[in-house]
Amino acid sequence: MTDSLGELLSDGLAAPLGAVIAAVGRGVAEAQAALDAASLAQTLSVYDAEGDEGMALLRDIGYRPTFYVLPETTCEVQVSMRVGGTGAADGSAGGGLSAARTYVVPVDAGFANRYGYQANGAAKLTFKVVPVPPPTALDESRPVPALLDDPAETAVQKLETLGFIVATVNADGQPVALSDRPRFKVAAQDSVARTFRPIGSVITLTLKKA
């Protein structure tokens, strides 16, 4: 993540308050996107026709991966600054220090030794991760498997297991009889692999001779 909180606060707390808040917001958004991507990947693996027997069993018993959300994120950035020294704010001898500003100035060892400046900062981040029901579309939809070059009978079985209705045609668009399917394999499918289609949808497979 660019402009992370750590980067912004790495050089003597040299960052405007708005930039710090924006960095925290980007971090939360990226965290939520990562949670969603992980849940979606797990969902696809359960319905993957090429998955192992364990995944097939989970699918058969109706298992659905859990999705998570970040419903509440609290970021408490505590910044304290104690200013003291013998020089004026502009570096000249004598005179008082200028009023505090909304920007926290970077302080290195030389600057601190010369003017007696000190800076301290701390951050505290609290968040919740809560499981939520999967999207309702998963109740009525399934991901279409990739079937290119699969034997026709195998492809049909995969689709029917997921609840789809299968139509098989040849390159000319003519139906392929059930008894002829063993001589063919899949040349194309009308639904893109790993896209969700409603259960009961008709998936058309274009076949070619094996």
Protein backbone atom coordinates (compact mmCIF):
# COMPACT_ATOMS: atom_id res chain seq x y z
CA MET A 1 0.00 0.00 0.00
CA THR A 2 1.41 3.37 -1.02
CA ASP A 3 1.44 6.19 1.51
CA SER A 4 0.91 3.76 4.36
CA LEU A 5 0.56 4.96 7.92
CA GLY A 6 4.02 3.64 8.70
CA GLU A 7 5.56 5.55 5.80
CA LEU A 8 3.77 8.75 6.71
CA LEU A 9 4.88 8.59 10.33
CA SER A 10 8.38 7.34 9.72
CA ASP A 11 10.26 10.61 9.51
CA GLY A 12 9.64 12.37 12.79
CA LEU A 13 5.85 12.34 12.25
CA ALA A 14 6.16 14.61 9.21
CA ALA A 15 2.65 14.26 7.83
CA PRO A 16 -0.53 16.36 7.67
CA LEU A 17 -3.44 14.92 9.62
CA GLY A 18 -5.51 14.50 6.44
CA ALA A 19 -2.82 12.34 4.83
CA VAL A 20 -2.70 10.08 7.88
CA ILE A 21 -6.49 9.61 7.86
CA ALA A 22 -6.48 8.92 4.11
CA ALA A 23 -3.77 6.28 4.53
CA VAL A 24 -5.80 4.51 7.20
CA GLY A 25 -8.88 4.56 4.93
CA ARG A 26 -6.97 3.03 2.04
CA GLY A 27 -5.65 0.32 4.34
CA VAL A 28 -9.15 -0.61 5.51
CA ALA A 29 -10.44 -0.75 1.93
CA GLU A 30 -7.55 -2.99 0.87
CA ALA A 31 -8.11 -5.27 3.86
CA GLN A 32 -11.80 -5.69 2.98
CA ALA A 33 -10.93 -6.43 -0.66
CA ALA A 34 -8.47 -9.12 0.47
CA LEU A 35 -11.12 -10.75 2.69
CA ASP A 36 -13.62 -10.77 -0.20
CA ALA A 37 -11.08 -12.22 -2.63
CA ALA A 38 -10.16 -15.03 -0.23
CA SER A 39 -13.81 -15.98 0.34
CA LEU A 40 -14.55 -15.93 -3.39
CA ALA A 41 -11.50 -18.10 -4.15
CA GLN A 42 -12.64 -20.61 -1.53
CA THR A 43 -16.14 -20.64 -3.03
CA LEU A 44 -14.78 -21.33 -6.50
CA SER A 45 -12.58 -24.14 -5.18
CA VAL A 46 -15.59 -25.87 -3.61
CA TYR A 47 -17.46 -25.86 -6.93
CA ASP A 48 -14.39 -26.60 -9.05
CA ALA A 49 -15.10 -29.75 -11.01
CA GLU A 50 -11.40 -30.60 -10.88
CA GLY A 51 -11.24 -30.38 -7.08
CA ASP A 52 -10.32 -33.25 -4.79
CA GLU A 53 -12.75 -35.67 -3.10
CA GLY A 54 -12.83 -33.60 0.08
CA MET A 55 -14.06 -30.54 -1.78
CA ALA A 56 -16.59 -32.67 -3.66
CA LEU A 57 -17.95 -33.93 -0.34
CA LEU A 58 -18.23 -30.39 1.01
CA ARG A 59 -20.14 -29.40 -2.12
CA ASP A 60 -22.48 -32.39 -1.83
CA ILE A 61 -23.42 -31.59 1.77
CA GLY A 62 -24.15 -27.99 0.88
CA TYR A 63 -21.10 -26.38 2.49
CA ARG A 64 -20.53 -22.74 1.63
CA PRO A 65 -17.42 -20.78 2.61
CA THR A 66 -17.90 -17.95 5.08
CA PHE A 67 -17.59 -14.35 4.00
CA TYR A 68 -16.22 -11.70 6.36
CA VAL A 69 -16.65 -7.97 6.69
CA LEU A 70 -14.98 -5.19 8.63
CA PRO A 71 -18.07 -3.50 10.13
CA GLU A 72 -16.11 -1.28 12.43
CA THR A 73 -12.59 0.03 12.33
CA THR A 74 -11.29 2.45 14.91
CA CYS A 75 -7.94 4.13 14.48
CA GLU A 76 -6.55 6.18 17.31
CA VAL A 77 -3.43 8.10 16.41
CA GLN A 78 -1.94 9.74 19.44
CA VAL A 79 0.61 12.41 18.72
CA SER A 80 2.20 14.44 21.45
CA MET A 81 4.78 17.12 20.92
CA ARG A 82 6.76 18.82 23.56
CA VAL A 83 8.60 21.85 22.30
CA GLY A 84 11.37 23.59 24.15
CA GLY A 85 14.70 25.21 23.43
CA THR A 86 16.79 28.30 23.49
CA GLY A 87 16.38 29.44 19.91
CA ALA A 88 13.60 31.25 18.14
CA ALA A 89 11.40 29.46 15.65
CA ASP A 90 13.38 30.97 12.76
CA GLY A 91 16.71 29.76 14.21
CA SER A 92 17.93 33.16 15.40
CA ALA A 93 19.29 33.70 18.92
CA GLY A 94 16.82 34.69 21.62
CA GLY A 95 13.14 35.30 21.23
CA GLY A 96 10.21 33.04 21.99
CA LEU A 97 9.04 29.97 20.09
CA SER A 98 6.32 30.28 17.51
CA ALA A 99 2.83 28.96 18.14
CA ALA A 100 2.14 25.30 17.51
CA ARG A 101 1.14 24.37 14.02
CA THR A 102 -1.09 21.65 12.61
CA TYR A 103 1.85 19.99 10.87
CA VAL A 104 4.26 17.86 12.86
CA VAL A 105 7.75 18.80 11.80
CA PRO A 106 10.40 16.12 11.27
CA VAL A 107 12.99 16.23 14.00
CA ASP A 108 16.42 14.66 13.53
CA ALA A 109 19.15 14.38 16.14
CA GLY A 110 20.98 17.54 15.01
CA PHE A 111 17.82 19.64 15.02
CA ALA A 112 16.80 18.34 18.45
CA ASN A 113 20.21 18.98 19.96
CA ARG A 114 20.46 22.49 18.57
CA TYR A 115 17.01 23.72 19.52
CA GLY A 116 15.99 21.32 22.27
CA TYR A 117 13.03 19.93 20.33
CA GLN A 118 11.46 16.59 21.27
CA ALA A 119 8.71 14.59 19.51
CA ASN A 120 6.84 11.46 20.50
CA GLY A 121 4.16 9.56 18.62
CA ALA A 122 2.07 6.42 19.04
CA ALA A 123 -0.73 4.75 17.10
CA LYS A 124 -3.45 2.30 18.11
CA LEU A 125 -5.66 0.43 15.61
CA THR A 126 -8.72 -1.57 16.65
CA PHE A 127 -10.91 -3.50 14.23
CA LYS A 128 -13.50 -6.29 14.15
CA VAL A 129 -13.81 -9.12 11.62
CA VAL A 130 -17.35 -10.50 11.58
CA PRO A 131 -18.65 -13.50 9.58
CA VAL A 132 -21.69 -12.82 7.43
CA PRO A 133 -23.88 -15.07 5.26
CA PRO A 134 -22.61 -15.63 1.71
CA PRO A 135 -24.22 -13.49 -0.99
CA THR A 136 -27.77 -14.65 -1.71
CA ALA A 137 -26.81 -15.27 -5.35
CA LEU A 138 -24.87 -18.35 -4.18
CA ASP A 139 -28.16 -19.95 -3.09
CA GLU A 140 -29.43 -19.94 -6.65
CA SER A 141 -26.27 -19.85 -8.78
CA ARG A 142 -23.19 -21.93 -9.43
CA PRO A 143 -19.88 -21.18 -11.19
CA VAL A 144 -19.56 -22.71 -14.64
CA PRO A 145 -16.50 -24.99 -14.85
CA ALA A 146 -13.89 -24.84 -17.62
CA LEU A 147 -14.70 -27.69 -19.98
CA LEU A 148 -12.58 -27.09 -23.08
CA ASP A 149 -11.22 -30.39 -24.48
CA ASP A 150 -13.00 -32.47 -21.83
CA PRO A 151 -14.68 -35.67 -23.10
CA ALA A 152 -18.28 -34.80 -23.84
CA GLU A 153 -19.74 -37.27 -21.37
CA THR A 154 -17.47 -36.00 -18.57
CA ALA A 155 -18.38 -32.38 -19.29
CA VAL A 156 -22.08 -33.15 -19.28
CA GLN A 157 -21.76 -34.96 -15.95
CA LYS A 158 -19.92 -32.03 -14.38
CA LEU A 159 -22.59 -29.57 -15.45
CA GLU A 160 -25.50 -31.75 -14.40
CA THR A 161 -23.90 -32.29 -10.98
CA LEU A 162 -23.96 -28.51 -10.49
CA GLY A 163 -27.63 -28.35 -11.45
CA PHE A 164 -27.34 -27.11 -15.03
CA ILE A 165 -29.23 -28.37 -18.08
CA VAL A 166 -26.89 -29.35 -20.90
CA ALA A 167 -27.37 -29.09 -24.66
CA THR A 168 -24.75 -30.53 -27.01
CA VAL A 169 -24.35 -29.45 -30.64
CA ASN A 170 -21.79 -29.97 -33.38
CA ALA A 171 -19.87 -27.27 -35.24
CA ASP A 172 -22.88 -26.68 -37.50
CA GLY A 173 -25.17 -26.15 -34.54
CA GLN A 174 -26.96 -29.47 -35.00
CA PRO A 175 -27.82 -31.45 -31.85
CA VAL A 176 -25.54 -34.33 -30.93
CA ALA A 177 -27.43 -37.42 -29.86
CA LEU A 178 -26.78 -38.90 -26.43
CA SER A 179 -25.50 -42.12 -27.97
CA ASP A 180 -22.95 -40.20 -30.09
CA ARG A 181 -21.44 -38.18 -27.25
CA PRO A 182 -18.68 -40.71 -26.39
CA ARG A 183 -17.08 -39.93 -29.76
CA PHE A 184 -16.81 -36.22 -29.06
CA LYS A 185 -15.05 -33.75 -26.79
CA VAL A 186 -15.80 -30.13 -25.96
CA ALA A 187 -14.70 -27.54 -28.52
CA ALA A 188 -16.48 -24.55 -26.95
CA GLN A 189 -18.98 -23.58 -24.27
CA ASP A 190 -21.46 -20.72 -24.45
CA SER A 191 -20.94 -19.67 -20.82
CA VAL A 192 -17.57 -18.31 -19.74
CA ALA A 193 -15.77 -20.51 -17.24
CA ARG A 194 -15.91 -19.41 -13.58
CA THR A 195 -18.85 -17.09 -14.14
CA PHE A 196 -21.98 -17.67 -12.07
CA ARG A 197 -25.17 -18.86 -13.75
CA PRO A 198 -28.54 -19.62 -12.14
CA ILE A 199 -29.20 -23.26 -11.29
CA GLY A 200 -31.31 -24.78 -14.06
CA SER A 201 -29.73 -22.65 -16.80
CA VAL A 202 -29.12 -24.28 -20.15
CA ILE A 203 -25.41 -24.55 -20.96
CA THR A 204 -24.69 -25.31 -24.60
CA LEU A 205 -21.54 -27.25 -25.46
CA THR A 206 -20.16 -27.29 -28.98
CA LEU A 207 -18.53 -30.64 -29.60
CA LYS A 208 -15.84 -31.90 -31.94
CA LYS A 209 -14.70 -35.42 -32.66
CA ALA A 210 -12.26 -36.74 -30.11
